[in-house]
Protein backbone atom coordinates (compact mmCIF):
# COMPACT_ATOMS: atom_id res chain seq x y z
CA MET A 1 0.00 0.00 0.00
CA LEU A 2 2.73 2.47 0.99
CA HIS A 3 4.71 1.52 -2.14
CA TRP A 4 1.74 2.37 -4.38
CA ARG A 5 1.08 5.60 -2.51
CA LEU A 6 4.63 6.79 -3.07
CA LEU A 7 4.63 5.61 -6.68
CA ILE A 8 1.40 7.47 -7.47
CA GLY A 9 1.63 10.30 -4.97
CA VAL A 10 5.03 11.76 -5.90
CA PRO A 11 4.27 12.20 -9.65
CA LEU A 12 0.79 13.48 -8.76
CA VAL A 13 2.24 16.15 -6.45
CA ALA A 14 4.75 17.16 -9.13
CA PHE A 15 1.95 17.40 -11.68
CA LEU A 16 -0.17 19.53 -9.35
CA VAL A 17 2.75 21.86 -8.67
CA GLY A 18 3.26 22.28 -12.42
CA ILE A 19 -0.36 23.08 -13.30
CA CYS A 20 -0.69 25.42 -10.29
CA TRP A 21 2.41 27.29 -11.50
CA LEU A 22 0.93 27.57 -14.99
CA ASP A 23 -2.47 28.62 -13.66
CA ALA A 24 -0.93 31.35 -11.51
CA ARG A 25 0.59 32.90 -14.66
CA ALA A 26 -2.46 32.49 -16.88
CA SER A 27 -4.46 35.57 -17.87
CA ILE A 28 -7.78 33.82 -17.11
CA PRO A 29 -8.10 32.57 -13.49
CA GLY A 30 -8.48 28.82 -13.34
CA VAL A 31 -8.06 28.17 -17.06
CA VAL A 32 -5.36 25.55 -16.39
CA LEU A 33 -6.68 24.06 -13.16
CA MET A 34 -10.35 23.82 -14.17
CA PRO A 35 -9.97 21.12 -16.87
CA PHE A 36 -8.07 18.92 -14.40
CA PHE A 37 -10.60 19.63 -11.66
CA LEU A 38 -13.52 18.82 -13.96
CA VAL A 39 -11.96 15.45 -14.77
CA CYS A 40 -11.71 14.81 -11.03
CA VAL A 41 -15.34 15.92 -10.60
CA PHE A 42 -16.40 13.39 -13.25
CA PHE A 43 -14.84 10.55 -11.26
CA LEU A 44 -16.26 11.97 -8.02
CA CYS A 45 -19.72 11.84 -9.59
CA ARG A 46 -19.24 8.23 -10.65
CA GLU A 47 -18.03 7.19 -7.22
CA ILE A 48 -20.74 8.95 -5.21
CA VAL A 49 -23.42 7.45 -7.47
CA ALA A 50 -21.84 4.00 -7.04
CA LEU A 51 -21.81 4.41 -3.25
CA LEU A 52 -25.47 5.45 -3.29
CA HIS A 53 -26.33 2.42 -5.44
CA ALA A 54 -24.50 0.18 -2.97
CA GLY A 55 -26.75 1.61 -0.25
CA GLY A 56 -29.93 0.93 -2.20
CA ILE A 57 -30.41 4.54 -3.36
CA TYR A 58 -30.84 5.06 -7.10
CA PRO A 59 -30.95 8.71 -8.16
CA ARG A 60 -30.98 9.57 -11.84
CA ARG A 61 -27.40 9.78 -13.09
CA SER A 62 -28.21 12.66 -15.42
CA THR A 63 -29.64 14.65 -12.50
CA VAL A 64 -26.54 14.14 -10.38
CA TYR A 65 -24.09 14.92 -13.16
CA LEU A 66 -25.98 17.99 -14.37
CA GLY A 67 -26.41 19.43 -10.88
CA ILE A 68 -22.79 18.92 -9.83
CA PHE A 69 -21.17 20.07 -13.07
CA GLY A 70 -23.54 23.03 -13.31
CA THR A 71 -22.62 24.21 -9.82
CA ILE A 72 -18.86 23.85 -10.38
CA ILE A 73 -18.81 25.46 -13.83
CA LEU A 74 -21.04 28.37 -12.83
CA SER A 75 -18.85 29.09 -9.82
CA TRP A 76 -15.87 29.38 -12.19
CA LEU A 77 -17.69 31.49 -14.78
CA SER A 78 -18.70 33.88 -12.03
CA CYS A 79 -15.22 35.45 -12.11
CA TYR A 80 -16.36 37.35 -15.18
CA ASN A 81 -18.86 40.20 -15.06
CA THR A 82 -21.94 38.69 -16.69
CA LEU A 83 -24.17 41.62 -15.74
CA PRO A 84 -24.22 43.12 -19.27
CA PHE A 85 -25.24 39.73 -20.67
CA PHE A 86 -28.21 39.44 -18.30
CA MET A 87 -29.13 43.07 -18.94
CA HIS A 88 -29.36 42.34 -22.68
CA ILE A 89 -31.67 39.39 -21.94
CA GLU A 90 -33.82 41.65 -19.75
CA ASP A 91 -33.88 44.28 -22.50
CA ALA A 92 -35.00 41.68 -25.05
CA PHE A 93 -37.97 40.69 -22.86
CA PHE A 94 -38.79 44.34 -22.10
CA THR A 95 -38.70 45.26 -25.78
CA ALA A 96 -40.92 42.30 -26.70
CA LEU A 97 -43.50 43.27 -24.07
CA HIS A 98 -43.44 47.07 -24.28
CA GLY A 99 -42.11 47.80 -27.76
CA LYS A 100 -39.18 49.93 -26.55
CA SER A 101 -35.75 49.41 -25.04
CA HIS A 102 -35.30 49.20 -21.29
CA PRO A 103 -33.76 52.50 -20.04
CA THR A 104 -31.29 50.79 -17.64
CA VAL A 105 -29.48 49.01 -20.48
CA ALA A 106 -27.90 52.28 -21.55
CA LEU A 107 -26.20 52.54 -18.18
CA VAL A 108 -24.51 49.14 -18.71
CA ASP A 109 -23.82 48.93 -22.46
CA PRO A 110 -22.53 52.12 -24.12
CA GLN A 111 -23.53 50.77 -27.54
CA ALA A 112 -27.15 50.92 -26.49
CA ASN A 113 -26.94 54.71 -26.38
CA ALA A 114 -26.40 54.84 -30.11
CA LYS A 115 -29.55 52.80 -30.72
CA SER A 116 -31.95 54.20 -28.18
CA GLY A 117 -32.95 57.52 -29.72
CA PRO A 118 -33.82 60.84 -28.04
CA ALA A 119 -34.92 59.30 -24.74
CA ILE A 120 -31.50 57.89 -24.02
CA ASN A 121 -29.81 61.08 -25.27
CA LYS A 122 -31.87 63.05 -22.77
CA GLN A 123 -30.75 60.73 -20.01
CA GLY A 124 -27.16 61.19 -21.17
CA ALA A 125 -27.52 64.97 -20.94
CA GLU A 126 -28.88 64.66 -17.41
CA ALA A 127 -25.95 62.42 -16.47
CA VAL A 128 -23.49 64.98 -17.87
CA ASP A 129 -25.19 67.73 -15.85
CA LEU A 130 -24.94 65.67 -12.67
CA ALA A 131 -21.27 64.98 -13.37
CA ALA A 132 -20.59 68.70 -13.84
CA ARG A 133 -22.26 69.48 -10.52
CA ALA A 134 -20.19 66.78 -8.83
CA LEU A 135 -17.01 68.32 -10.24
CA VAL A 136 -17.96 71.75 -8.87
CA GLU A 137 -18.65 70.26 -5.43
CA ALA A 138 -15.35 68.38 -5.53
CA ARG A 139 -13.49 71.58 -6.37
CA ASN A 140 -15.15 73.38 -3.45
CA ALA A 141 -14.26 70.52 -1.13
CA LEU A 142 -10.65 70.68 -2.31
CA GLU A 143 -10.48 74.40 -1.60
CA THR A 144 -11.91 73.80 1.88
CA ALA A 145 -9.28 71.12 2.53
CA GLU A 146 -6.51 73.48 1.41
CA ASN A 147 -7.76 76.19 3.80
CA ALA A 148 -7.89 73.67 6.65
CA LEU A 149 -4.34 72.56 5.86
CA GLN A 150 -3.13 76.16 5.89
CA THR A 151 -4.84 76.72 9.24
CA ALA A 152 -3.24 73.56 10.64
CA ARG A 153 0.18 74.85 9.71
CA ASN A 154 -0.40 77.92 11.88
CA VAL A 155 -1.36 75.87 14.96
CA PRO A 156 1.20 76.14 17.81
CA GLU A 157 3.60 73.22 18.17
CA ASN A 158 2.28 72.08 21.56
CA GLU A 159 -1.30 71.86 20.31
CA ARG A 160 -0.17 69.94 17.24
CA GLN A 161 1.70 67.41 19.40
CA ALA A 162 -1.39 66.96 21.56
CA ASP A 163 -3.53 66.27 18.51
CA GLU A 164 -0.98 63.76 17.20
CA LYS A 165 -0.94 62.00 20.58
CA THR A 166 -4.74 61.80 20.61
CA GLY A 167 -4.76 60.36 17.07
CA ALA A 168 -2.14 57.77 18.01
CA GLU A 169 -4.21 56.69 21.04
CA MET A 170 -7.30 56.33 18.87
CA ARG A 171 -5.41 54.24 16.31
CA GLU A 172 -4.01 52.06 19.08
CA ALA A 173 -7.47 51.57 20.56
CA SER A 174 -8.85 50.50 17.21
CA ASP A 175 -5.91 48.17 16.48
CA GLY A 176 -7.13 44.67 15.67
CA GLU A 177 -10.68 45.71 14.85
CA VAL A 178 -12.00 44.68 11.46
CA ASN A 179 -13.23 47.49 9.24
CA MET A 180 -16.30 45.80 7.79
CA ALA A 181 -16.72 48.48 5.13
CA GLU A 182 -13.25 47.71 3.77
CA VAL A 183 -13.91 43.97 3.97
CA ALA A 184 -17.23 44.30 2.15
CA ASN A 185 -15.74 46.43 -0.62
CA GLU A 186 -12.63 44.38 -1.37
CA GLN A 187 -12.37 42.45 -4.61
CA GLY A 188 -12.35 39.04 -2.94
CA TRP A 189 -15.71 39.66 -1.29
CA ASN A 190 -17.20 40.97 -4.54
CA THR A 191 -16.02 37.92 -6.48
CA ALA A 192 -17.22 35.53 -3.80
CA ALA A 193 -20.62 37.22 -3.56
CA PHE A 194 -21.08 37.09 -7.32
CA ALA A 195 -20.01 33.43 -7.35
CA GLY A 196 -22.37 32.70 -4.46
CA ILE A 197 -25.34 33.91 -6.49
CA HIS A 198 -24.43 31.56 -9.33
CA ILE A 199 -23.95 28.65 -6.93
CA LEU A 200 -27.28 29.19 -5.20
CA LEU A 201 -29.03 29.33 -8.55
CA ALA A 202 -27.26 26.15 -9.66
CA ILE A 203 -28.18 24.30 -6.45
CA ALA A 204 -31.82 25.43 -6.77
CA ALA A 205 -31.86 24.31 -10.41
CA GLY A 206 -30.33 20.97 -9.41
CA VAL A 207 -33.05 20.37 -6.82
CA LEU A 208 -35.71 21.26 -9.39
CA ILE A 209 -34.15 18.93 -11.97
CA ALA A 210 -34.02 16.15 -9.37
CA PHE A 211 -37.75 16.54 -8.75
CA VAL A 212 -38.50 16.51 -12.48
CA GLY A 213 -36.32 13.44 -12.97
CA GLU A 214 -38.17 11.47 -10.33
CA MET A 215 -41.52 12.64 -11.76
CA LEU A 216 -40.61 11.33 -15.19
CA ARG A 217 -39.72 7.84 -13.99
CA PHE A 218 -42.42 7.49 -11.33
CA LYS A 219 -44.21 4.15 -11.68
CA GLN A 220 -45.43 3.21 -8.22
CA PRO A 221 -45.14 4.41 -4.62
CA GLY A 222 -42.02 3.58 -2.66
CA GLY A 223 -38.40 4.70 -2.90
CA ASN A 224 -38.89 7.91 -4.87
CA ILE A 225 -38.26 10.27 -1.94
CA ILE A 226 -35.12 8.31 -1.01
CA ASN A 227 -33.83 8.56 -4.59
CA LEU A 228 -34.62 12.28 -4.65
CA THR A 229 -32.78 12.77 -1.36
CA GLY A 230 -29.77 10.88 -2.74
CA ALA A 231 -29.60 13.17 -5.77
CA VAL A 232 -29.78 16.35 -3.66
CA PHE A 233 -27.17 14.94 -1.26
CA ALA A 234 -24.74 14.24 -4.12
CA ILE A 235 -25.22 17.73 -5.58
CA VAL A 236 -24.60 19.40 -2.23
CA TYR A 237 -21.73 17.12 -1.16
CA ILE A 238 -19.71 17.30 -4.38
CA GLY A 239 -21.11 20.38 -6.12
CA LEU A 240 -21.62 22.86 -3.30
CA LEU A 241 -18.57 21.93 -1.22
CA GLY A 242 -16.39 21.58 -4.32
CA SER A 243 -17.38 25.05 -5.50
CA PHE A 244 -15.61 26.55 -2.48
CA MET A 245 -12.34 25.27 -3.90
CA VAL A 246 -13.12 27.17 -7.10
CA MET A 247 -14.08 30.31 -5.17
CA LEU A 248 -10.83 30.16 -3.22
CA ARG A 249 -8.96 30.33 -6.51
CA LEU A 250 -11.09 33.12 -7.96
CA ALA A 251 -11.37 35.35 -4.90
CA TYR A 252 -7.99 34.93 -3.19
CA GLY A 253 -5.64 33.49 -5.77
CA ILE A 254 -3.76 30.28 -6.33
CA VAL A 255 -1.95 30.61 -2.99
CA ALA A 256 -5.24 30.18 -1.11
CA VAL A 257 -6.01 26.87 -2.84
CA VAL A 258 -2.48 25.51 -2.50
CA SER A 259 -2.26 26.48 1.18
CA MET A 260 -5.56 24.74 1.91
CA ILE A 261 -4.32 21.56 0.20
CA ILE A 262 -0.97 21.70 2.03
CA VAL A 263 -2.53 22.17 5.45
CA THR A 264 -5.15 19.46 4.89
CA LYS A 265 -2.81 16.84 3.47
CA LEU A 266 -0.08 17.53 6.03
CA CYS A 267 -2.73 16.85 8.67
CA ASP A 268 -3.39 13.47 7.00
CA ILE A 269 0.33 12.70 6.82
CA GLY A 270 0.93 13.75 10.42
CA ALA A 271 -2.03 11.73 11.70
CA TYR A 272 -0.87 8.62 9.82
CA THR A 273 2.79 8.97 10.91
CA VAL A 274 2.21 9.77 14.58
CA GLY A 275 -0.59 7.24 14.81
CA ARG A 276 1.65 4.47 13.48
CA LEU A 277 4.44 5.44 15.89
CA ILE A 278 2.70 6.11 19.20
CA GLY A 279 -1.03 5.70 18.57
CA ARG A 280 -2.78 3.78 21.35
CA HIS A 281 -6.27 5.22 21.87
CA LYS A 282 -8.83 4.78 19.08
CA MET A 283 -10.55 7.95 17.88
CA ALA A 284 -13.55 6.45 16.07
CA PRO A 285 -13.24 2.67 16.09
CA SER A 286 -16.60 2.04 14.46
CA LEU A 287 -15.94 4.42 11.55
CA SER A 288 -12.17 4.28 11.03
CA PRO A 289 -10.40 1.74 13.25
CA GLY A 290 -6.93 2.93 12.18
CA LYS A 291 -7.32 6.49 13.48
CA THR A 292 -6.08 7.31 16.96
CA ILE A 293 -6.29 10.31 19.27
CA GLU A 294 -2.50 10.58 19.32
CA GLY A 295 -2.48 10.55 15.54
CA GLY A 296 -5.11 13.29 15.47
CA CYS A 297 -3.00 15.50 17.73
CA GLY A 298 0.02 14.87 15.52
CA GLY A 299 -2.03 15.75 12.47
CA VAL A 300 -3.06 19.08 13.99
CA ALA A 301 0.59 19.85 14.78
CA PHE A 302 1.56 19.06 11.18
CA SER A 303 -1.31 21.23 9.90
CA ILE A 304 -0.04 24.20 11.94
CA LEU A 305 3.38 23.62 10.40
CA GLY A 306 1.75 23.64 6.97
CA ALA A 307 -0.05 26.88 7.78
CA TRP A 308 3.24 28.48 8.84
CA PHE A 309 4.91 27.32 5.62
CA SER A 310 2.04 28.73 3.56
CA VAL A 311 2.22 32.11 5.29
CA ALA A 312 5.99 32.49 5.68
CA VAL A 313 7.20 30.91 2.43
CA LEU A 314 4.42 30.27 -0.08
CA PHE A 315 2.58 33.59 0.24
CA PRO A 316 5.67 35.81 -0.35
CA MET A 317 6.74 33.63 -3.28
CA ALA A 318 3.32 33.92 -4.92
CA THR A 319 2.54 37.58 -4.21
CA GLY A 320 5.95 39.24 -3.89
CA ARG A 321 5.09 40.72 -0.48
CA PRO A 322 5.12 39.37 3.07
CA SER A 323 1.92 38.05 4.59
CA GLU A 324 0.17 40.12 7.24
CA THR A 325 -1.09 37.03 9.07
CA THR A 326 -0.31 36.98 12.80
CA TRP A 327 0.93 33.97 14.73
CA LEU A 328 -2.55 33.58 16.18
CA GLY A 329 -3.96 33.59 12.66
CA VAL A 330 -1.48 30.88 11.61
CA ILE A 331 -2.52 28.67 14.53
CA ILE A 332 -6.24 29.24 13.91
CA TYR A 333 -5.84 28.50 10.19
CA GLY A 334 -3.84 25.34 10.79
CA VAL A 335 -6.09 23.98 13.52
CA ALA A 336 -9.41 24.85 11.85
CA VAL A 337 -8.50 23.60 8.37
CA GLY A 338 -6.74 20.51 9.72
CA ILE A 339 -9.63 19.49 11.97
CA SER A 340 -12.22 20.16 9.25
CA GLY A 341 -10.20 17.99 6.86
CA ALA A 342 -10.15 15.19 9.45
CA ILE A 343 -13.92 15.55 9.85
CA GLY A 344 -14.27 15.28 6.07
CA ASP A 345 -12.25 12.06 6.15
CA LEU A 346 -14.49 10.62 8.85
CA ALA A 347 -17.59 11.78 6.97
CA GLU A 348 -16.59 9.76 3.93
CA SER A 349 -15.79 6.82 6.21
CA LEU A 350 -19.36 7.06 7.51
CA ILE A 351 -20.70 6.80 3.96
CA LYS A 352 -18.44 3.86 3.09
CA ARG A 353 -19.20 1.95 6.30
CA ASP A 354 -22.92 2.47 5.83
CA VAL A 355 -22.80 0.81 2.40
CA MET A 356 -20.10 -1.71 3.51
CA ARG A 357 -17.36 -0.48 1.17
CA LYS A 358 -13.68 -0.19 2.07
CA ASP A 359 -12.83 2.39 -0.63
CA SER A 360 -14.89 4.75 -2.76
CA GLY A 361 -13.38 3.30 -5.96
CA VAL A 362 -10.36 1.67 -7.58
CA ASN A 363 -9.31 4.45 -9.95
CA VAL A 364 -6.23 5.54 -7.93
CA PRO A 365 -4.01 2.58 -6.89
CA GLY A 366 -2.80 2.90 -3.32
CA PHE A 367 -5.42 5.49 -2.43
CA GLY A 368 -8.67 3.86 -3.53
CA GLY A 369 -10.83 6.31 -5.43
CA PHE A 370 -10.90 10.01 -6.13
CA LEU A 371 -13.29 10.57 -3.24
CA ASP A 372 -10.74 8.99 -0.89
CA ILE A 373 -8.38 11.83 -1.90
CA PHE A 374 -10.91 14.68 -2.02
CA ASP A 375 -12.92 13.76 1.09
CA SER A 376 -10.89 15.97 3.42
CA LEU A 377 -10.52 18.78 0.86
CA LEU A 378 -14.27 19.05 0.25
CA VAL A 379 -14.99 19.82 3.91
CA ALA A 380 -11.83 21.88 4.52
CA ALA A 381 -12.47 24.22 1.56
CA PRO A 382 -15.46 26.12 3.08
CA VAL A 383 -13.55 26.58 6.35
CA ALA A 384 -10.45 27.84 4.55
CA PHE A 385 -12.59 30.20 2.46
CA ALA A 386 -14.21 31.66 5.58
CA LEU A 387 -10.81 32.27 7.20
CA TRP A 388 -9.50 34.02 4.09
CA ALA A 389 -12.71 36.04 3.77
CA PHE A 390 -12.57 37.31 7.35
CA HIS A 391 -8.85 38.15 7.12
CA VAL A 392 -7.61 35.53 9.55
CA VAL A 393 -5.18 34.79 6.72
CA GLN A 394 -4.10 37.73 4.58
């Protein structure tokens, strides 16, 4: 087993390093990683459907594949501003119903101004007038600021020092507080919010498709609700959780994805190594007899080491600037992502034990199936995304 893991794992790690390096330098985010990830998603779909079949649950394959792939692909496409596209669709419906173009389209697509006639030209004139007024107000504000600056220069030295001391005390008092306005306005939040809309729509569409699928093949009472539940579970488990890996790449860059993988897999390696060496007390004997409490503690220690490596080495290499993450942030990131990855591993063990399977598949010698590799990553990705979003890691 260990021989196969080394034989498959080392080339796989080298391959992942190569495509991550290429993706970091690509002009389109995720254009290199997404094809590889979609291949993995295909095998994840096959394996989760096979596990459900082994448990006596038979969702429609087309429903599962469509819901999962739709969620993943839409989360990637959300990195582009599709607002003009949807505005053109809205304008088409508005024109068909009312016989004229929708006035808001001109604010999104400049080409619409040339086609909209006098009404849009009038709106353009009003916009120019508002802009001119804003320029006048800005000039007045600038003059006021210059007068205030000149007055400040005439303030006695002792008063100026007192004001500086007061400002320093206020900054010190507010040190460590999160400015939610800055957080809400940053690019990562905007990308994640836009992606979240696409993901919610895809999940809702997947649930609707699952209902329609079961309606089409309904013959007699019994088993239909279970099959429907299995389809929704697969879409949420693979599609929703997997989309957080995509959003990590889009919102916070390749370093966020790589750091999450490093922390999660180092936790697995640490738990396996320490558990083999000194493990005595079983963690979850009914789910995973090989896991021990000592191994879990070792895994958390390894995950903290991985978090430190990501912050101190990986982040400066990828961004060209040092990370602003504190030591407390490193510990929180390592512990939270490591533990969530371990929970993901146990969650997949629960599924496999329930259907009496040892592995999720046989596609990856030495590891089992693709789900045996991605189980920890699927659960760790939302936790890592939350920590990046709330500036625990930055």
